[in-house]
């Protein structure tokens, strides 16, 4: 059986070309921490999670319940569930957050309307006592691009909410879920705006909130969001992963 050691990499699940770990990857590279990127959407085989120090799961246009369209989702959920229940540190973003909720038997489903744009995130009172989110301000802007939401899993602690979506972040043991995208830059948002799979969300936006406005607002916000992304992720690496 593989053993996690100081030389073991962090396992990163990326689900589409344009949704890399971005600022989180920058933090890993700066600290000299190895990562192993796996693309289940491209047919890459899932490795044994026990050979890794932690797992990071990023976003994607698919829903966690779309097994008929994306058969690999069931295998990824199974892996995440086994790893999280065994105590492996986990950091899930957007789809990654929904995958964590799903493996903890919480309902994941489409929300009333998509949440797209640079919008405020509000911390809960519990966040002040969390080793990761205690470093965040009580309210901060973040980029959002999602149409699905989840219920808070039994045993999880809610860390953040927004005006449109009650569930924005939670922690379950050593596993963290973030529905929002602190990690992205304006240039990365510009890539998303060109992806056909994201076109439906864009069509439902008011004319003055279309791609040019999204890109501009994300570019302006990144001077605040990216440093916060790296600070929270760094605290997870130190206080949760133990690096």
C-alpha atoms as a PDB file:
ATOM      1  CA  UNK A   1       0.000   0.000   0.000  1.00  0.00           C
ATOM      2  CA  UNK A   2       1.425   3.432  -0.913  1.00  0.00           C
ATOM      3  CA  UNK A   3       2.373   5.574   2.078  1.00  0.00           C
ATOM      4  CA  UNK A   4       2.056   9.340   2.326  1.00  0.00           C
ATOM      5  CA  UNK A   5       5.428  10.875   3.123  1.00  0.00           C
ATOM      6  CA  UNK A   6       7.245  14.154   2.854  1.00  0.00           C
ATOM      7  CA  UNK A   7       8.123  13.366  -0.762  1.00  0.00           C
ATOM      8  CA  UNK A   8       4.523  12.534  -1.780  1.00  0.00           C
ATOM      9  CA  UNK A   9       2.817  15.032  -4.110  1.00  0.00           C
ATOM     10  CA  UNK A  10      -0.542  16.722  -3.734  1.00  0.00           C
ATOM     11  CA  UNK A  11      -3.111  15.145  -6.047  1.00  0.00           C
ATOM     12  CA  UNK A  12      -4.929  17.739  -8.192  1.00  0.00           C
ATOM     13  CA  UNK A  13      -8.103  16.926 -10.102  1.00  0.00           C
ATOM     14  CA  UNK A  14      -8.595  19.341 -13.012  1.00  0.00           C
ATOM     15  CA  UNK A  15     -11.819  18.931 -14.999  1.00  0.00           C
ATOM     16  CA  UNK A  16     -11.370  21.288 -17.967  1.00  0.00           C
ATOM     17  CA  UNK A  17      -8.392  23.052 -19.575  1.00  0.00           C
ATOM     18  CA  UNK A  18      -9.410  26.524 -18.423  1.00  0.00           C
ATOM     19  CA  UNK A  19      -9.894  25.710 -14.724  1.00  0.00           C
ATOM     20  CA  UNK A  20      -6.430  24.981 -13.349  1.00  0.00           C
ATOM     21  CA  UNK A  21      -5.577  25.560  -9.687  1.00  0.00           C
ATOM     22  CA  UNK A  22      -4.293  29.008 -10.747  1.00  0.00           C
ATOM     23  CA  UNK A  23      -3.257  30.980  -7.621  1.00  0.00           C
ATOM     24  CA  UNK A  24      -3.331  27.789  -5.550  1.00  0.00           C
ATOM     25  CA  UNK A  25      -0.850  26.192  -7.932  1.00  0.00           C
ATOM     26  CA  UNK A  26       1.327  29.308  -7.700  1.00  0.00           C
ATOM     27  CA  UNK A  27       1.445  28.848  -3.917  1.00  0.00           C
ATOM     28  CA  UNK A  28       2.471  25.206  -4.296  1.00  0.00           C
ATOM     29  CA  UNK A  29       5.188  26.070  -6.805  1.00  0.00           C
ATOM     30  CA  UNK A  30       6.581  28.868  -4.646  1.00  0.00           C
ATOM     31  CA  UNK A  31       6.804  26.502  -1.684  1.00  0.00           C
ATOM     32  CA  UNK A  32       8.417  23.772  -3.768  1.00  0.00           C
ATOM     33  CA  UNK A  33       5.547  21.349  -3.145  1.00  0.00           C
ATOM     34  CA  UNK A  34       5.067  18.756  -5.860  1.00  0.00           C
ATOM     35  CA  UNK A  35       1.646  18.244  -7.418  1.00  0.00           C
ATOM     36  CA  UNK A  36       0.262  15.483  -9.578  1.00  0.00           C
ATOM     37  CA  UNK A  37      -2.348  16.774 -12.016  1.00  0.00           C
ATOM     38  CA  UNK A  38      -4.984  14.291 -13.217  1.00  0.00           C
ATOM     39  CA  UNK A  39      -7.622  14.991 -15.894  1.00  0.00           C
ATOM     40  CA  UNK A  40     -10.469  12.489 -15.341  1.00  0.00           C
ATOM     41  CA  UNK A  41     -12.550  14.315 -17.970  1.00  0.00           C
ATOM     42  CA  UNK A  42      -9.865  13.459 -20.537  1.00  0.00           C
ATOM     43  CA  UNK A  43      -9.900   9.774 -19.640  1.00  0.00           C
ATOM     44  CA  UNK A  44      -6.848   9.780 -17.372  1.00  0.00           C
ATOM     45  CA  UNK A  45      -6.842   6.972 -14.841  1.00  0.00           C
ATOM     46  CA  UNK A  46      -7.418   7.882 -11.204  1.00  0.00           C
ATOM     47  CA  UNK A  47      -4.402   7.034  -9.048  1.00  0.00           C
ATOM     48  CA  UNK A  48      -4.357   5.521  -5.583  1.00  0.00           C
ATOM     49  CA  UNK A  49      -5.134   8.451  -3.278  1.00  0.00           C
ATOM     50  CA  UNK A  50      -3.037   6.886  -0.514  1.00  0.00           C
ATOM     51  CA  UNK A  51       0.132   7.875  -2.361  1.00  0.00           C
ATOM     52  CA  UNK A  52      -0.576  11.606  -1.889  1.00  0.00           C
ATOM     53  CA  UNK A  53      -0.341  14.108   0.954  1.00  0.00           C
ATOM     54  CA  UNK A  54      -3.614  15.846   0.090  1.00  0.00           C
ATOM     55  CA  UNK A  55      -6.206  16.281  -2.659  1.00  0.00           C
ATOM     56  CA  UNK A  56      -7.261  19.439  -4.511  1.00  0.00           C
ATOM     57  CA  UNK A  57     -10.342  19.248  -6.753  1.00  0.00           C
ATOM     58  CA  UNK A  58     -11.081  22.186  -9.044  1.00  0.00           C
ATOM     59  CA  UNK A  59     -14.148  23.324 -10.988  1.00  0.00           C
ATOM     60  CA  UNK A  60     -15.729  22.370 -14.280  1.00  0.00           C
ATOM     61  CA  UNK A  61     -18.907  22.812 -16.331  1.00  0.00           C
ATOM     62  CA  UNK A  62     -20.384  19.428 -15.395  1.00  0.00           C
ATOM     63  CA  UNK A  63     -22.749  18.702 -12.510  1.00  0.00           C
ATOM     64  CA  UNK A  64     -21.838  16.109  -9.888  1.00  0.00           C
ATOM     65  CA  UNK A  65     -25.078  14.261 -10.752  1.00  0.00           C
ATOM     66  CA  UNK A  66     -24.349  13.957 -14.502  1.00  0.00           C
ATOM     67  CA  UNK A  67     -22.942  10.431 -14.422  1.00  0.00           C
ATOM     68  CA  UNK A  68     -24.727   9.521 -17.669  1.00  0.00           C
ATOM     69  CA  UNK A  69     -22.778  12.248 -19.498  1.00  0.00           C
ATOM     70  CA  UNK A  70     -19.558  11.895 -17.524  1.00  0.00           C
ATOM     71  CA  UNK A  71     -19.146   8.311 -16.235  1.00  0.00           C
ATOM     72  CA  UNK A  72     -15.825   9.149 -14.547  1.00  0.00           C
ATOM     73  CA  UNK A  73     -17.680  11.273 -11.950  1.00  0.00           C
ATOM     74  CA  UNK A  74     -18.742   8.181 -10.005  1.00  0.00           C
ATOM     75  CA  UNK A  75     -15.145   6.990  -9.694  1.00  0.00           C
ATOM     76  CA  UNK A  76     -13.914  10.418  -8.619  1.00  0.00           C
ATOM     77  CA  UNK A  77     -16.652  10.697  -6.006  1.00  0.00           C
ATOM     78  CA  UNK A  78     -15.747   7.256  -4.691  1.00  0.00           C
ATOM     79  CA  UNK A  79     -12.070   8.195  -4.419  1.00  0.00           C
ATOM     80  CA  UNK A  80     -12.820  11.489  -2.671  1.00  0.00           C
ATOM     81  CA  UNK A  81     -15.195   9.800  -0.259  1.00  0.00           C
ATOM     82  CA  UNK A  82     -12.655   7.140   0.708  1.00  0.00           C
ATOM     83  CA  UNK A  83      -9.839   9.658   1.104  1.00  0.00           C
ATOM     84  CA  UNK A  84     -11.811  12.223   3.123  1.00  0.00           C
ATOM     85  CA  UNK A  85     -13.224   9.608   5.479  1.00  0.00           C
ATOM     86  CA  UNK A  86      -9.678   8.326   6.011  1.00  0.00           C
ATOM     87  CA  UNK A  87      -8.591  11.827   7.060  1.00  0.00           C
ATOM     88  CA  UNK A  88      -6.786  12.944   3.903  1.00  0.00           C
ATOM     89  CA  UNK A  89      -6.752  16.773   3.665  1.00  0.00           C
ATOM     90  CA  UNK A  90      -9.002  18.007   0.844  1.00  0.00           C
ATOM     91  CA  UNK A  91      -9.498  21.401  -0.845  1.00  0.00           C
ATOM     92  CA  UNK A  92     -12.465  21.574  -3.236  1.00  0.00           C
ATOM     93  CA  UNK A  93     -13.397  24.541  -5.402  1.00  0.00           C
ATOM     94  CA  UNK A  94     -16.798  24.980  -7.116  1.00  0.00           C
ATOM     95  CA  UNK A  95     -17.356  21.522  -8.684  1.00  0.00           C
ATOM     96  CA  UNK A  96     -14.790  20.270  -6.179  1.00  0.00           C
ATOM     97  CA  UNK A  97     -16.885  21.677  -3.330  1.00  0.00           C
ATOM     98  CA  UNK A  98     -20.016  20.057  -4.729  1.00  0.00           C
ATOM     99  CA  UNK A  99     -18.207  16.727  -5.071  1.00  0.00           C
ATOM    100  CA  UNK A 100     -17.294  16.899  -1.388  1.00  0.00           C
ATOM    101  CA  UNK A 101     -20.884  17.709  -0.425  1.00  0.00           C
ATOM    102  CA  UNK A 102     -22.155  14.811  -2.539  1.00  0.00           C
ATOM    103  CA  UNK A 103     -19.807  12.216  -1.047  1.00  0.00           C
ATOM    104  CA  UNK A 104     -20.942  13.366   2.403  1.00  0.00           C
ATOM    105  CA  UNK A 105     -24.520  12.518   1.369  1.00  0.00           C
ATOM    106  CA  UNK A 106     -25.694  16.106   0.963  1.00  0.00           C
ATOM    107  CA  UNK A 107     -28.038  17.075  -1.873  1.00  0.00           C
ATOM    108  CA  UNK A 108     -26.468  18.888  -4.843  1.00  0.00           C
ATOM    109  CA  UNK A 109     -28.826  20.483  -7.382  1.00  0.00           C
ATOM    110  CA  UNK A 110     -29.277  23.480  -9.689  1.00  0.00           C
ATOM    111  CA  UNK A 111     -29.912  26.742  -7.887  1.00  0.00           C
ATOM    112  CA  UNK A 112     -32.690  29.193  -8.719  1.00  0.00           C
ATOM    113  CA  UNK A 113     -30.420  31.322 -10.930  1.00  0.00           C
ATOM    114  CA  UNK A 114     -26.723  31.219 -11.830  1.00  0.00           C
ATOM    115  CA  UNK A 115     -24.353  33.195  -9.622  1.00  0.00           C
ATOM    116  CA  UNK A 116     -21.877  34.836 -11.984  1.00  0.00           C
ATOM    117  CA  UNK A 117     -19.630  37.820 -11.371  1.00  0.00           C
ATOM    118  CA  UNK A 118     -17.580  39.492  -8.663  1.00  0.00           C
ATOM    119  CA  UNK A 119     -19.879  39.351  -5.646  1.00  0.00           C
ATOM    120  CA  UNK A 120     -19.498  39.543  -1.855  1.00  0.00           C
ATOM    121  CA  UNK A 121     -18.926  36.508   0.343  1.00  0.00           C
ATOM    122  CA  UNK A 122     -19.910  36.751   4.014  1.00  0.00           C
ATOM    123  CA  UNK A 123     -18.254  34.622   6.676  1.00  0.00           C
ATOM    124  CA  UNK A 124     -20.263  32.874   9.373  1.00  0.00           C
ATOM    125  CA  UNK A 125     -19.463  33.294  13.059  1.00  0.00           C
ATOM    126  CA  UNK A 126     -17.861  29.831  13.041  1.00  0.00           C
ATOM    127  CA  UNK A 127     -15.219  30.982  10.546  1.00  0.00           C
ATOM    128  CA  UNK A 128     -13.503  33.076  13.216  1.00  0.00           C
ATOM    129  CA  UNK A 129     -12.459  29.905  15.023  1.00  0.00           C
ATOM    130  CA  UNK A 130     -11.337  28.010  11.936  1.00  0.00           C
ATOM    131  CA  UNK A 131      -7.565  27.639  11.392  1.00  0.00           C
ATOM    132  CA  UNK A 132      -7.895  28.536   7.703  1.00  0.00           C
ATOM    133  CA  UNK A 133     -10.726  31.071   7.461  1.00  0.00           C
ATOM    134  CA  UNK A 134      -9.816  32.976  10.635  1.00  0.00           C
ATOM    135  CA  UNK A 135      -7.404  34.929   8.403  1.00  0.00           C
ATOM    136  CA  UNK A 136     -10.164  36.177   6.079  1.00  0.00           C
ATOM    137  CA  UNK A 137     -12.139  39.405   6.567  1.00  0.00           C
ATOM    138  CA  UNK A 138     -15.788  39.052   7.568  1.00  0.00           C
ATOM    139  CA  UNK A 139     -16.791  40.090   4.040  1.00  0.00           C
ATOM    140  CA  UNK A 140     -14.764  40.022   0.846  1.00  0.00           C
ATOM    141  CA  UNK A 141     -15.333  40.015  -2.929  1.00  0.00           C
ATOM    142  CA  UNK A 142     -14.806  36.879  -4.959  1.00  0.00           C
ATOM    143  CA  UNK A 143     -15.456  35.747  -8.487  1.00  0.00           C
ATOM    144  CA  UNK A 144     -18.371  33.324  -8.911  1.00  0.00           C
ATOM    145  CA  UNK A 145     -19.470  31.262 -11.889  1.00  0.00           C
ATOM    146  CA  UNK A 146     -21.825  28.452 -10.959  1.00  0.00           C
ATOM    147  CA  UNK A 147     -25.431  27.379 -11.278  1.00  0.00           C
ATOM    148  CA  UNK A 148     -25.474  24.454  -8.844  1.00  0.00           C
ATOM    149  CA  UNK A 149     -25.575  24.560  -5.065  1.00  0.00           C
ATOM    150  CA  UNK A 150     -25.542  22.064  -2.215  1.00  0.00           C
ATOM    151  CA  UNK A 151     -27.011  21.465   1.208  1.00  0.00           C
ATOM    152  CA  UNK A 152     -24.704  21.583   4.210  1.00  0.00           C
ATOM    153  CA  UNK A 153     -23.583  18.001   4.933  1.00  0.00           C
ATOM    154  CA  UNK A 154     -24.381  16.496   8.320  1.00  0.00           C
ATOM    155  CA  UNK A 155     -21.433  17.085  10.633  1.00  0.00           C
ATOM    156  CA  UNK A 156     -19.961  19.905   8.511  1.00  0.00           C
ATOM    157  CA  UNK A 157     -19.436  23.478   9.734  1.00  0.00           C
ATOM    158  CA  UNK A 158     -20.639  26.278   7.476  1.00  0.00           C
ATOM    159  CA  UNK A 159     -17.954  28.916   6.949  1.00  0.00           C
ATOM    160  CA  UNK A 160     -19.434  31.319   4.376  1.00  0.00           C
ATOM    161  CA  UNK A 161     -22.571  32.354   2.526  1.00  0.00           C
ATOM    162  CA  UNK A 162     -23.643  34.928  -0.079  1.00  0.00           C
ATOM    163  CA  UNK A 163     -26.836  36.870  -0.702  1.00  0.00           C
ATOM    164  CA  UNK A 164     -27.807  34.573  -3.560  1.00  0.00           C
ATOM    165  CA  UNK A 165     -26.516  31.205  -2.323  1.00  0.00           C
ATOM    166  CA  UNK A 166     -26.630  30.226   1.340  1.00  0.00           C
ATOM    167  CA  UNK A 167     -23.820  27.681   1.016  1.00  0.00           C
ATOM    168  CA  UNK A 168     -20.470  29.127  -0.018  1.00  0.00           C
ATOM    169  CA  UNK A 169     -17.917  27.290   2.123  1.00  0.00           C
ATOM    170  CA  UNK A 170     -17.769  24.564   4.745  1.00  0.00           C
ATOM    171  CA  UNK A 171     -15.297  22.346   6.574  1.00  0.00           C
ATOM    172  CA  UNK A 172     -15.691  18.685   7.426  1.00  0.00           C
ATOM    173  CA  UNK A 173     -12.769  17.386   9.455  1.00  0.00           C
ATOM    174  CA  UNK A 174      -9.708  18.112   7.315  1.00  0.00           C
ATOM    175  CA  UNK A 175     -11.750  18.722   4.146  1.00  0.00           C
ATOM    176  CA  UNK A 176     -12.643  22.217   2.893  1.00  0.00           C
ATOM    177  CA  UNK A 177     -15.201  23.220   0.275  1.00  0.00           C
ATOM    178  CA  UNK A 178     -15.226  26.647  -1.431  1.00  0.00           C
ATOM    179  CA  UNK A 179     -18.013  27.397  -3.891  1.00  0.00           C
ATOM    180  CA  UNK A 180     -16.352  30.638  -5.046  1.00  0.00           C
ATOM    181  CA  UNK A 181     -13.229  31.328  -7.124  1.00  0.00           C
ATOM    182  CA  UNK A 182     -10.723  33.480  -5.253  1.00  0.00           C
ATOM    183  CA  UNK A 183      -7.951  31.942  -7.345  1.00  0.00           C
ATOM    184  CA  UNK A 184      -8.812  33.300 -10.793  1.00  0.00           C
ATOM    185  CA  UNK A 185      -7.439  36.320 -12.658  1.00  0.00           C
ATOM    186  CA  UNK A 186      -9.190  38.477 -15.224  1.00  0.00           C
ATOM    187  CA  UNK A 187      -7.270  36.735 -18.004  1.00  0.00           C
ATOM    188  CA  UNK A 188      -8.520  33.354 -16.825  1.00  0.00           C
ATOM    189  CA  UNK A 189     -12.104  34.648 -16.730  1.00  0.00           C
ATOM    190  CA  UNK A 190     -11.608  35.754 -20.350  1.00  0.00           C
ATOM    191  CA  UNK A 191     -10.773  32.129 -21.214  1.00  0.00           C
ATOM    192  CA  UNK A 192     -13.940  30.920 -19.471  1.00  0.00           C
ATOM    193  CA  UNK A 193     -16.037  33.372 -21.455  1.00  0.00           C
ATOM    194  CA  UNK A 194     -14.929  31.645 -24.664  1.00  0.00           C
ATOM    195  CA  UNK A 195     -15.905  28.140 -23.538  1.00  0.00           C
ATOM    196  CA  UNK A 196     -19.151  26.898 -25.162  1.00  0.00           C
ATOM    197  CA  UNK A 197     -20.073  24.899 -22.049  1.00  0.00           C
ATOM    198  CA  UNK A 198     -20.374  28.152 -20.087  1.00  0.00           C
ATOM    199  CA  UNK A 199     -22.443  29.967 -22.712  1.00  0.00           C
ATOM    200  CA  UNK A 200     -25.827  29.306 -21.067  1.00  0.00           C
ATOM    201  CA  UNK A 201     -24.869  31.207 -17.922  1.00  0.00           C
ATOM    202  CA  UNK A 202     -23.725  34.156 -20.035  1.00  0.00           C
ATOM    203  CA  UNK A 203     -26.982  34.252 -22.010  1.00  0.00           C
ATOM    204  CA  UNK A 204     -28.947  34.670 -18.776  1.00  0.00           C
ATOM    205  CA  UNK A 205     -26.960  37.732 -17.672  1.00  0.00           C
ATOM    206  CA  UNK A 206     -28.150  41.325 -18.235  1.00  0.00           C
ATOM    207  CA  UNK A 207     -26.500  43.019 -21.190  1.00  0.00           C
ATOM    208  CA  UNK A 208     -24.383  45.264 -18.955  1.00  0.00           C
ATOM    209  CA  UNK A 209     -23.022  42.232 -17.071  1.00  0.00           C
ATOM    210  CA  UNK A 210     -21.786  40.291 -20.108  1.00  0.00           C
ATOM    211  CA  UNK A 211     -18.241  39.043 -20.795  1.00  0.00           C
ATOM    212  CA  UNK A 212     -16.483  42.443 -21.114  1.00  0.00           C
ATOM    213  CA  UNK A 213     -17.867  43.570 -17.757  1.00  0.00           C
ATOM    214  CA  UNK A 214     -17.105  40.232 -16.098  1.00  0.00           C
ATOM    215  CA  UNK A 215     -13.509  40.308 -17.300  1.00  0.00           C
ATOM    216  CA  UNK A 216     -12.988  43.930 -16.254  1.00  0.00           C
ATOM    217  CA  UNK A 217     -14.432  43.387 -12.768  1.00  0.00           C
ATOM    218  CA  UNK A 218     -12.413  40.236 -12.240  1.00  0.00           C
ATOM    219  CA  UNK A 219      -9.261  42.049 -13.348  1.00  0.00           C
ATOM    220  CA  UNK A 220      -9.906  44.873 -10.894  1.00  0.00           C
ATOM    221  CA  UNK A 221     -10.727  42.487  -8.049  1.00  0.00           C
ATOM    222  CA  UNK A 222      -7.733  40.189  -8.511  1.00  0.00           C
ATOM    223  CA  UNK A 223      -5.440  42.500  -6.521  1.00  0.00           C
ATOM    224  CA  UNK A 224      -7.562  41.519  -3.485  1.00  0.00           C
ATOM    225  CA  UNK A 225      -8.823  38.066  -4.347  1.00  0.00           C
ATOM    226  CA  UNK A 226      -5.599  36.368  -5.420  1.00  0.00           C
ATOM    227  CA  UNK A 227      -3.590  37.360  -2.311  1.00  0.00           C
ATOM    228  CA  UNK A 228      -6.487  36.125  -0.155  1.00  0.00           C
ATOM    229  CA  UNK A 229      -6.643  32.874  -2.144  1.00  0.00           C
ATOM    230  CA  UNK A 230      -2.961  32.266  -1.515  1.00  0.00           C
ATOM    231  CA  UNK A 231      -3.188  33.194   2.169  1.00  0.00           C
ATOM    232  CA  UNK A 232      -6.096  30.823   2.852  1.00  0.00           C
ATOM    233  CA  UNK A 233      -4.517  28.024   0.839  1.00  0.00           C
ATOM    234  CA  UNK A 234      -1.188  28.553   2.594  1.00  0.00           C
ATOM    235  CA  UNK A 235      -2.911  28.275   5.972  1.00  0.00           C
ATOM    236  CA  UNK A 236      -4.553  25.036   4.814  1.00  0.00           C
ATOM    237  CA  UNK A 237      -1.155  23.701   3.743  1.00  0.00           C
ATOM    238  CA  UNK A 238       0.407  24.593   7.099  1.00  0.00           C
ATOM    239  CA  UNK A 239      -2.372  23.991   9.612  1.00  0.00           C
ATOM    240  CA  UNK A 240      -4.258  21.137   7.940  1.00  0.00           C
ATOM    241  CA  UNK A 241      -1.859  19.330   5.601  1.00  0.00           C
ATOM    242  CA  UNK A 242       1.055  19.970   7.965  1.00  0.00           C
ATOM    243  CA  UNK A 243       3.629  21.245   5.480  1.00  0.00           C
END
